[in-house]
Amino acid sequence: AEFWLAYKKMVLELEGANRATSAGDGGRSRLGFGLLR
């Protein structure tokens, strides 16, 4: 259970970072998010 809570927290943080990044950093953030899925 703790693993899933940490995992969900990390995904939410990545999603927030993905929205906050500039266009130049967007591809890298999306790639990282894709690898987690």
Protein backbone atom coordinates (compact mmCIF):
# COMPACT_ATOMS: atom_id res chain seq x y z
CA ALA A 1 0.00 0.00 0.00
CA GLU A 2 2.79 2.42 0.86
CA PHE A 3 4.42 1.78 -2.50
CA TRP A 4 1.24 2.74 -4.34
CA LEU A 5 0.81 5.91 -2.29
CA ALA A 6 4.36 6.96 -3.11
CA TYR A 7 3.85 6.00 -6.77
CA LYS A 8 0.64 8.03 -7.07
CA LYS A 9 2.31 10.98 -5.36
CA MET A 10 5.22 10.83 -7.81
CA VAL A 11 2.86 10.66 -10.78
CA LEU A 12 0.91 13.67 -9.54
CA GLU A 13 4.14 15.61 -9.05
CA LEU A 14 5.27 14.71 -12.57
CA GLU A 15 1.94 15.76 -14.02
CA GLY A 16 2.21 19.10 -12.22
CA ALA A 17 5.80 19.54 -13.39
CA ASN A 18 4.78 18.63 -16.93
CA ARG A 19 2.16 21.40 -16.96
CA ALA A 20 4.63 23.87 -15.44
CA THR A 21 7.51 23.20 -17.81
CA SER A 22 8.31 25.33 -20.80
CA ALA A 23 7.79 23.91 -24.30
CA GLY A 24 11.48 22.99 -24.44
CA ASP A 25 11.29 20.81 -21.32
CA GLY A 26 7.87 19.34 -22.09
CA GLY A 27 9.17 16.46 -24.19
CA ARG A 28 11.56 15.31 -21.48
CA SER A 29 8.84 15.44 -18.81
CA ARG A 30 6.38 13.53 -21.00
CA LEU A 31 9.02 10.89 -21.69
CA GLY A 32 9.63 10.40 -17.97
CA PHE A 33 5.89 10.16 -17.33
CA GLY A 34 5.49 7.65 -20.17
CA LEU A 35 8.22 5.44 -18.72
CA LEU A 36 6.37 5.28 -15.40
CA ARG A 37 3.07 4.22 -16.93
